[in-house]
Amino acid sequence: MQVLSYLIPISLFLGGVGLVAFVYTVRSDQYNDPEGDAQRILSGQYDDKPKV
């Protein structure tokens, strides 16, 4: 049962790190254009085989 005294603070710390990372990505506007990626992948402008 002593291992829980180590695991609980470690898990809370890692959860906090994940929360801080999520808040950072939201504040740096990384989720502004979700439709742009969807349209870009469907467009024929970009090709898997570039012309040399």
PDB file of N, CA and C in Angstrom:
ATOM      1  N   MET A   1       0.813  -1.201   0.000  1.00  0.00           N
ATOM      2  CA  MET A   1       0.000   0.000   0.000  1.00  0.00           C
ATOM      3  C   MET A   1       0.855   1.264   0.000  1.00  0.00           C
ATOM      4  N   GLN A   2       2.135   1.125   0.341  1.00  0.00           N
ATOM      5  CA  GLN A   2       2.981   2.313   0.327  1.00  0.00           C
ATOM      6  C   GLN A   2       3.227   2.819  -1.087  1.00  0.00           C
ATOM      7  N   VAL A   3       3.093   1.933  -2.062  1.00  0.00           N
ATOM      8  CA  VAL A   3       3.329   2.357  -3.439  1.00  0.00           C
ATOM      9  C   VAL A   3       2.283   3.377  -3.886  1.00  0.00           C
ATOM     10  N   LEU A   4       1.090   3.321  -3.290  1.00  0.00           N
ATOM     11  CA  LEU A   4       0.065   4.311  -3.626  1.00  0.00           C
ATOM     12  C   LEU A   4       0.479   5.715  -3.220  1.00  0.00           C
ATOM     13  N   SER A   5       1.254   5.847  -2.164  1.00  0.00           N
ATOM     14  CA  SER A   5       1.704   7.171  -1.744  1.00  0.00           C
ATOM     15  C   SER A   5       2.671   7.774  -2.755  1.00  0.00           C
ATOM     16  N   TYR A   6       3.240   6.948  -3.630  1.00  0.00           N
ATOM     17  CA  TYR A   6       4.097   7.453  -4.701  1.00  0.00           C
ATOM     18  C   TYR A   6       3.300   7.642  -5.999  1.00  0.00           C
ATOM     19  N   LEU A   7       2.420   6.693  -6.276  1.00  0.00           N
ATOM     20  CA  LEU A   7       1.721   6.712  -7.554  1.00  0.00           C
ATOM     21  C   LEU A   7       0.676   7.820  -7.654  1.00  0.00           C
ATOM     22  N   ILE A   8      -0.008   8.115  -6.577  1.00  0.00           N
ATOM     23  CA  ILE A   8      -1.041   9.151  -6.624  1.00  0.00           C
ATOM     24  C   ILE A   8      -0.453  10.530  -6.922  1.00  0.00           C
ATOM     25  N   PRO A   9       0.597  10.979  -6.240  1.00  0.00           N
ATOM     26  CA  PRO A   9       1.173  12.282  -6.604  1.00  0.00           C
ATOM     27  C   PRO A   9       1.774  12.309  -8.011  1.00  0.00           C
ATOM     28  N   ILE A  10       2.363  11.192  -8.424  1.00  0.00           N
ATOM     29  CA  ILE A  10       2.930  11.149  -9.775  1.00  0.00           C
ATOM     30  C   ILE A  10       1.816  11.271 -10.812  1.00  0.00           C
ATOM     31  N   SER A  11       0.713  10.568 -10.612  1.00  0.00           N
ATOM     32  CA  SER A  11      -0.385  10.646 -11.572  1.00  0.00           C
ATOM     33  C   SER A  11      -1.024  12.032 -11.573  1.00  0.00           C
ATOM     34  N   LEU A  12      -1.141  12.660 -10.418  1.00  0.00           N
ATOM     35  CA  LEU A  12      -1.669  14.022 -10.369  1.00  0.00           C
ATOM     36  C   LEU A  12      -0.737  14.997 -11.080  1.00  0.00           C
ATOM     37  N   PHE A  13       0.555  14.811 -10.923  1.00  0.00           N
ATOM     38  CA  PHE A  13       1.528  15.666 -11.597  1.00  0.00           C
ATOM     39  C   PHE A  13       1.439  15.495 -13.113  1.00  0.00           C
ATOM     40  N   LEU A  14       1.380  14.251 -13.592  1.00  0.00           N
ATOM     41  CA  LEU A  14       1.290  14.012 -15.027  1.00  0.00           C
ATOM     42  C   LEU A  14      -0.033  14.522 -15.605  1.00  0.00           C
ATOM     43  N   GLY A  15      -1.101  14.403 -14.854  1.00  0.00           N
ATOM     44  CA  GLY A  15      -2.379  14.975 -15.289  1.00  0.00           C
ATOM     45  C   GLY A  15      -2.310  16.482 -15.390  1.00  0.00           C
ATOM     46  N   GLY A  16      -1.633  17.112 -14.437  1.00  0.00           N
ATOM     47  CA  GLY A  16      -1.451  18.562 -14.482  1.00  0.00           C
ATOM     48  C   GLY A  16      -0.613  18.994 -15.671  1.00  0.00           C
ATOM     49  N   VAL A  17       0.420  18.221 -15.979  1.00  0.00           N
ATOM     50  CA  VAL A  17       1.255  18.527 -17.148  1.00  0.00           C
ATOM     51  C   VAL A  17       0.423  18.426 -18.423  1.00  0.00           C
ATOM     52  N   GLY A  18      -0.406  17.408 -18.516  1.00  0.00           N
ATOM     53  CA  GLY A  18      -1.279  17.268 -19.674  1.00  0.00           C
ATOM     54  C   GLY A  18      -2.276  18.403 -19.784  1.00  0.00           C
ATOM     55  N   LEU A  19      -2.817  18.835 -18.672  1.00  0.00           N
ATOM     56  CA  LEU A  19      -3.759  19.952 -18.666  1.00  0.00           C
ATOM     57  C   LEU A  19      -3.078  21.239 -19.096  1.00  0.00           C
ATOM     58  N   VAL A  20      -1.883  21.486 -18.596  1.00  0.00           N
ATOM     59  CA  VAL A  20      -1.133  22.683 -18.983  1.00  0.00           C
ATOM     60  C   VAL A  20      -0.814  22.655 -20.476  1.00  0.00           C
ATOM     61  N   ALA A  21      -0.433  21.492 -21.003  1.00  0.00           N
ATOM     62  CA  ALA A  21      -0.143  21.378 -22.434  1.00  0.00           C
ATOM     63  C   ALA A  21      -1.398  21.645 -23.260  1.00  0.00           C
ATOM     64  N   PHE A  22      -2.542  21.131 -22.813  1.00  0.00           N
ATOM     65  CA  PHE A  22      -3.788  21.379 -23.535  1.00  0.00           C
ATOM     66  C   PHE A  22      -4.158  22.857 -23.513  1.00  0.00           C
ATOM     67  N   VAL A  23      -4.049  23.493 -22.368  1.00  0.00           N
ATOM     68  CA  VAL A  23      -4.370  24.921 -22.268  1.00  0.00           C
ATOM     69  C   VAL A  23      -3.423  25.732 -23.151  1.00  0.00           C
ATOM     70  N   TYR A  24      -2.149  25.332 -23.209  1.00  0.00           N
ATOM     71  CA  TYR A  24      -1.189  26.037 -24.065  1.00  0.00           C
ATOM     72  C   TYR A  24      -1.582  25.935 -25.537  1.00  0.00           C
ATOM     73  N   THR A  25      -2.001  24.745 -25.981  1.00  0.00           N
ATOM     74  CA  THR A  25      -2.377  24.603 -27.384  1.00  0.00           C
ATOM     75  C   THR A  25      -3.646  25.377 -27.707  1.00  0.00           C
ATOM     76  N   VAL A  26      -4.568  25.451 -26.760  1.00  0.00           N
ATOM     77  CA  VAL A  26      -5.787  26.222 -26.991  1.00  0.00           C
ATOM     78  C   VAL A  26      -5.460  27.705 -27.078  1.00  0.00           C
ATOM     79  N   ARG A  27      -4.608  28.189 -26.204  1.00  0.00           N
ATOM     80  CA  ARG A  27      -4.259  29.615 -26.215  1.00  0.00           C
ATOM     81  C   ARG A  27      -3.387  30.012 -27.399  1.00  0.00           C
ATOM     82  N   SER A  28      -2.645  29.067 -27.968  1.00  0.00           N
ATOM     83  CA  SER A  28      -1.805  29.395 -29.115  1.00  0.00           C
ATOM     84  C   SER A  28      -2.549  29.173 -30.436  1.00  0.00           C
ATOM     85  N   ASP A  29      -3.877  29.038 -30.370  1.00  0.00           N
ATOM     86  CA  ASP A  29      -4.762  28.976 -31.535  1.00  0.00           C
ATOM     87  C   ASP A  29      -4.424  27.835 -32.485  1.00  0.00           C
ATOM     88  N   GLN A  30      -4.154  26.664 -31.965  1.00  0.00           N
ATOM     89  CA  GLN A  30      -3.859  25.531 -32.822  1.00  0.00           C
ATOM     90  C   GLN A  30      -5.121  24.818 -33.282  1.00  0.00           C
ATOM     91  N   TYR A  31      -6.275  25.161 -32.742  1.00  0.00           N
ATOM     92  CA  TYR A  31      -7.521  24.513 -33.109  1.00  0.00           C
ATOM     93  C   TYR A  31      -8.454  25.464 -33.853  1.00  0.00           C
ATOM     94  N   ASN A  32      -7.917  26.500 -34.469  1.00  0.00           N
ATOM     95  CA  ASN A  32      -8.744  27.507 -35.118  1.00  0.00           C
ATOM     96  C   ASN A  32      -9.369  27.032 -36.411  1.00  0.00           C
ATOM     97  N   ASP A  33      -8.681  26.212 -37.196  1.00  0.00           N
ATOM     98  CA  ASP A  33      -9.154  25.871 -38.528  1.00  0.00           C
ATOM     99  C   ASP A  33      -9.276  24.364 -38.718  1.00  0.00           C
ATOM    100  N   PRO A  34     -10.239  23.716 -38.046  1.00  0.00           N
ATOM    101  CA  PRO A  34     -10.358  22.269 -38.214  1.00  0.00           C
ATOM    102  C   PRO A  34     -10.883  21.889 -39.600  1.00  0.00           C
ATOM    103  N   GLU A  35     -11.634  22.763 -40.244  1.00  0.00           N
ATOM    104  CA  GLU A  35     -12.173  22.464 -41.568  1.00  0.00           C
ATOM    105  C   GLU A  35     -11.113  22.613 -42.651  1.00  0.00           C
ATOM    106  N   GLY A  36     -10.101  23.412 -42.414  1.00  0.00           N
ATOM    107  CA  GLY A  36      -9.054  23.621 -43.418  1.00  0.00           C
ATOM    108  C   GLY A  36      -8.302  22.343 -43.728  1.00  0.00           C
ATOM    109  N   ASP A  37      -7.960  21.575 -42.716  1.00  0.00           N
ATOM    110  CA  ASP A  37      -7.254  20.317 -42.939  1.00  0.00           C
ATOM    111  C   ASP A  37      -8.139  19.323 -43.686  1.00  0.00           C
ATOM    112  N   ALA A  38      -9.410  19.290 -43.357  1.00  0.00           N
ATOM    113  CA  ALA A  38     -10.319  18.364 -44.020  1.00  0.00           C
ATOM    114  C   ALA A  38     -10.456  18.721 -45.496  1.00  0.00           C
ATOM    115  N   GLN A  39     -10.502  19.993 -45.817  1.00  0.00           N
ATOM    116  CA  GLN A  39     -10.614  20.403 -47.215  1.00  0.00           C
ATOM    117  C   GLN A  39      -9.302  20.185 -47.954  1.00  0.00           C
ATOM    118  N   ARG A  40      -8.193  20.400 -47.280  1.00  0.00           N
ATOM    119  CA  ARG A  40      -6.882  20.275 -47.902  1.00  0.00           C
ATOM    120  C   ARG A  40      -6.580  18.827 -48.288  1.00  0.00           C
ATOM    121  N   ILE A  41      -6.995  17.876 -47.474  1.00  0.00           N
ATOM    122  CA  ILE A  41      -6.688  16.476 -47.763  1.00  0.00           C
ATOM    123  C   ILE A  41      -7.549  15.959 -48.915  1.00  0.00           C
ATOM    124  N   LEU A  42      -8.708  16.553 -49.149  1.00  0.00           N
ATOM    125  CA  LEU A  42      -9.581  16.116 -50.220  1.00  0.00           C
ATOM    126  C   LEU A  42      -9.308  16.808 -51.549  1.00  0.00           C
ATOM    127  N   SER A  43      -8.551  17.889 -51.520  1.00  0.00           N
ATOM    128  CA  SER A  43      -8.316  18.620 -52.759  1.00  0.00           C
ATOM    129  C   SER A  43      -7.321  17.873 -53.638  1.00  0.00           C
ATOM    130  N   GLY A  44      -7.440  18.062 -54.934  1.00  0.00           N
ATOM    131  CA  GLY A  44      -6.539  17.415 -55.879  1.00  0.00           C
ATOM    132  C   GLY A  44      -5.271  18.206 -56.122  1.00  0.00           C
ATOM    133  N   GLN A  45      -5.106  19.297 -55.418  1.00  0.00           N
ATOM    134  CA  GLN A  45      -3.946  20.153 -55.635  1.00  0.00           C
ATOM    135  C   GLN A  45      -2.657  19.466 -55.197  1.00  0.00           C
ATOM    136  N   TYR A  46      -2.710  18.710 -54.131  1.00  0.00           N
ATOM    137  CA  TYR A  46      -1.524  18.044 -53.616  1.00  0.00           C
ATOM    138  C   TYR A  46      -1.534  16.595 -54.086  1.00  0.00           C
ATOM    139  N   ASP A  47      -0.416  16.133 -54.567  1.00  0.00           N
ATOM    140  CA  ASP A  47      -0.340  14.815 -55.162  1.00  0.00           C
ATOM    141  C   ASP A  47       0.710  13.972 -54.429  1.00  0.00           C
ATOM    142  N   ASP A  48       0.476  12.668 -54.384  1.00  0.00           N
ATOM    143  CA  ASP A  48       1.445  11.778 -53.753  1.00  0.00           C
ATOM    144  C   ASP A  48       2.697  11.620 -54.599  1.00  0.00           C
ATOM    145  N   LYS A  49       2.542  11.782 -55.904  1.00  0.00           N
ATOM    146  CA  LYS A  49       3.671  11.623 -56.814  1.00  0.00           C
ATOM    147  C   LYS A  49       3.995  12.972 -57.438  1.00  0.00           C
ATOM    148  N   PRO A  50       4.887  13.729 -56.852  1.00  0.00           N
ATOM    149  CA  PRO A  50       5.196  15.061 -57.399  1.00  0.00           C
ATOM    150  C   PRO A  50       5.853  14.960 -58.763  1.00  0.00           C
ATOM    151  N   LYS A  51       5.557  15.928 -59.606  1.00  0.00           N
ATOM    152  CA  LYS A  51       6.146  15.965 -60.944  1.00  0.00           C
ATOM    153  C   LYS A  51       7.582  16.473 -60.829  1.00  0.00           C
ATOM    154  N   VAL A  52       8.493  15.777 -61.438  1.00  0.00           N
ATOM    155  CA  VAL A  52       9.907  16.147 -61.334  1.00  0.00           C
ATOM    156  C   VAL A  52      10.314  16.979 -62.501  1.00  0.00           C
TER     157      VAL A  52
END
